[in-house]
Protein backbone atom coordinates (compact mmCIF):
# COMPACT_ATOMS: atom_id res chain seq x y z
CA MET A 1 -76.64 -4.47 102.25
CA ARG A 2 -78.77 -1.77 105.12
CA GLU A 3 -79.23 -4.37 108.00
CA GLU A 4 -75.21 -4.50 108.27
CA GLY A 5 -74.61 -0.90 106.81
CA LEU A 6 -72.45 -1.62 103.81
CA SER A 7 -71.25 0.70 100.93
CA LEU A 8 -71.99 -0.94 97.64
CA SER A 9 -68.40 -2.07 97.36
CA GLU A 10 -68.31 -3.46 99.73
CA THR A 11 -71.71 -5.27 99.74
CA MET A 12 -70.16 -6.08 95.59
CA ARG A 13 -66.72 -8.09 97.40
CA ARG A 14 -69.32 -9.65 99.90
CA PHE A 15 -72.09 -11.49 97.28
CA ASN A 16 -69.59 -11.73 95.18
CA ILE A 17 -71.27 -9.73 91.98
CA ASN A 18 -69.26 -8.10 89.54
CA CYS A 19 -71.19 -5.25 88.50
CA LEU A 20 -72.01 -2.37 90.84
CA GLY A 21 -75.47 -1.57 88.80
CA ILE A 22 -77.15 -5.26 89.23
CA ILE A 23 -76.86 -3.66 92.97
CA LYS A 24 -77.93 -0.81 91.93
CA ARG A 25 -80.92 -1.69 90.50
CA TRP A 26 -82.15 -3.69 93.62
CA GLU A 27 -81.57 -1.29 95.91
CA ARG A 28 -84.18 0.71 93.91
CA ILE A 29 -86.59 -1.67 93.41
CA TYR A 30 -86.19 -2.58 97.06
CA LEU A 31 -87.20 1.30 97.69
CA GLU A 32 -89.62 1.41 95.50
CA GLU A 33 -91.62 -1.97 96.06
CA GLY A 34 -90.62 -3.43 98.61
CA PRO A 35 -89.43 -7.16 99.24
CA GLU A 36 -92.13 -8.15 96.60
CA GLY A 37 -90.59 -6.38 94.27
CA LEU A 38 -86.60 -8.11 94.07
CA ALA A 39 -89.70 -11.58 93.72
CA VAL A 40 -90.97 -10.45 90.18
CA GLU A 41 -88.99 -11.70 87.20
CA ARG A 42 -88.65 -8.96 84.98
CA ARG A 43 -85.69 -10.26 82.49
CA GLY A 44 -86.36 -10.78 78.87
CA ARG A 45 -87.93 -8.57 76.79
CA LYS A 46 -91.87 -7.22 77.51
CA ASN A 47 -95.03 -6.99 76.26
CA THR A 48 -95.12 -3.87 73.91
CA GLY A 49 -99.10 -5.14 74.26
CA GLN A 50 -99.57 -5.62 70.49
CA PRO A 51 -101.17 -8.50 69.60
CA ALA A 52 -99.50 -11.24 67.32
CA LYS A 53 -100.04 -11.03 64.09
CA LEU A 54 -103.04 -13.59 62.00
CA PRO A 55 -101.38 -16.23 59.47
CA LYS A 56 -102.77 -13.62 56.33
CA GLU A 57 -105.85 -16.43 55.26
CA ILE A 58 -107.55 -15.65 58.43
CA GLU A 59 -107.00 -12.58 57.91
CA GLU A 60 -108.30 -12.45 54.73
CA ASP A 61 -111.30 -14.06 55.59
CA LEU A 62 -112.06 -11.56 58.31
CA ILE A 63 -111.54 -8.30 56.88
CA ALA A 64 -114.03 -10.43 53.79
CA GLU A 65 -116.67 -10.94 56.47
CA ASN A 66 -116.54 -7.81 58.08
CA GLN A 67 -117.11 -6.80 54.78
CA ARG A 68 -119.98 -8.65 54.06
CA LEU A 69 -121.27 -7.71 57.52
CA ARG A 70 -121.77 -4.11 56.59
């Protein structure tokens, strides 16, 4: 798009992309992170950083062991 000086609508037609938002998002990523940023998989939900829940049995055993150690 930048090399050939295409507008957003021209780019949409040329590459058969139906959503203007996709092109805008790709352009923002490219400007912020460079070409490498476009290679990063961004689909799906992000990891919230919270660990997965342990089974109740294991959690109870760990709590009991923690109390015993105290």
